C-alpha cells in the first residue's frame, strides 16, 4: 500500500510540477544553480 502511495505522489508531482521534459530540465537546472550558489558562499 505504501509503495503505491509513493508512486502516485511521485507521478502527481511530475505532472503538476513540469508538464514537459523541457520544464523538468529547467527545474533541475534551477536546483543545481541554487546548490552551486550555496557552495560558493562557503
Protein backbone atom coordinates (compact mmCIF):
# COMPACT_ATOMS: atom_id res chain seq x y z
CA UNK A 1 0.00 0.00 0.00
CA UNK A 2 2.76 2.47 0.90
CA UNK A 3 4.59 1.64 -2.32
CA UNK A 4 1.55 2.60 -4.40
CA UNK A 5 1.12 5.82 -2.44
CA UNK A 6 4.74 6.75 -3.22
CA UNK A 7 4.25 6.00 -6.91
CA UNK A 8 1.05 8.06 -7.06
CA UNK A 9 2.62 11.00 -5.23
CA UNK A 10 5.70 10.93 -7.47
CA UNK A 11 3.53 10.84 -10.60
CA UNK A 12 1.39 13.71 -9.32
CA UNK A 13 4.49 15.75 -8.57
CA UNK A 14 5.89 15.18 -12.05
CA UNK A 15 2.63 16.09 -13.77
CA UNK A 16 1.92 19.14 -11.64
CA UNK A 17 5.48 20.48 -11.40
CA UNK A 18 6.53 20.30 -15.02
CA UNK A 19 4.32 19.28 -17.88
CA UNK A 20 7.15 18.67 -20.32
CA UNK A 21 10.65 17.26 -20.34
CA UNK A 22 11.89 20.77 -21.05
CA UNK A 23 10.15 22.05 -17.94
CA UNK A 24 11.67 19.27 -15.86
CA UNK A 25 15.11 20.16 -17.22
CA UNK A 26 14.61 23.78 -16.21
CA UNK A 27 13.54 22.74 -12.71
CA UNK A 28 16.61 20.55 -12.30
CA UNK A 29 18.83 23.31 -13.63
CA UNK A 30 17.43 25.82 -11.14
CA UNK A 31 18.02 23.39 -8.29
CA UNK A 32 21.60 22.91 -9.47
CA UNK A 33 22.13 26.67 -9.61
CA UNK A 34 20.95 27.05 -6.01
CA UNK A 35 23.30 24.30 -4.84
CA UNK A 36 26.18 25.92 -6.71
CA UNK A 37 25.44 29.33 -5.16
CA UNK A 38 25.34 27.81 -1.69
CA UNK A 39 28.67 26.07 -2.28
CA UNK A 40 30.30 29.31 -3.43
CA UNK A 41 29.16 31.13 -0.26
CA UNK A 42 31.10 28.72 1.97
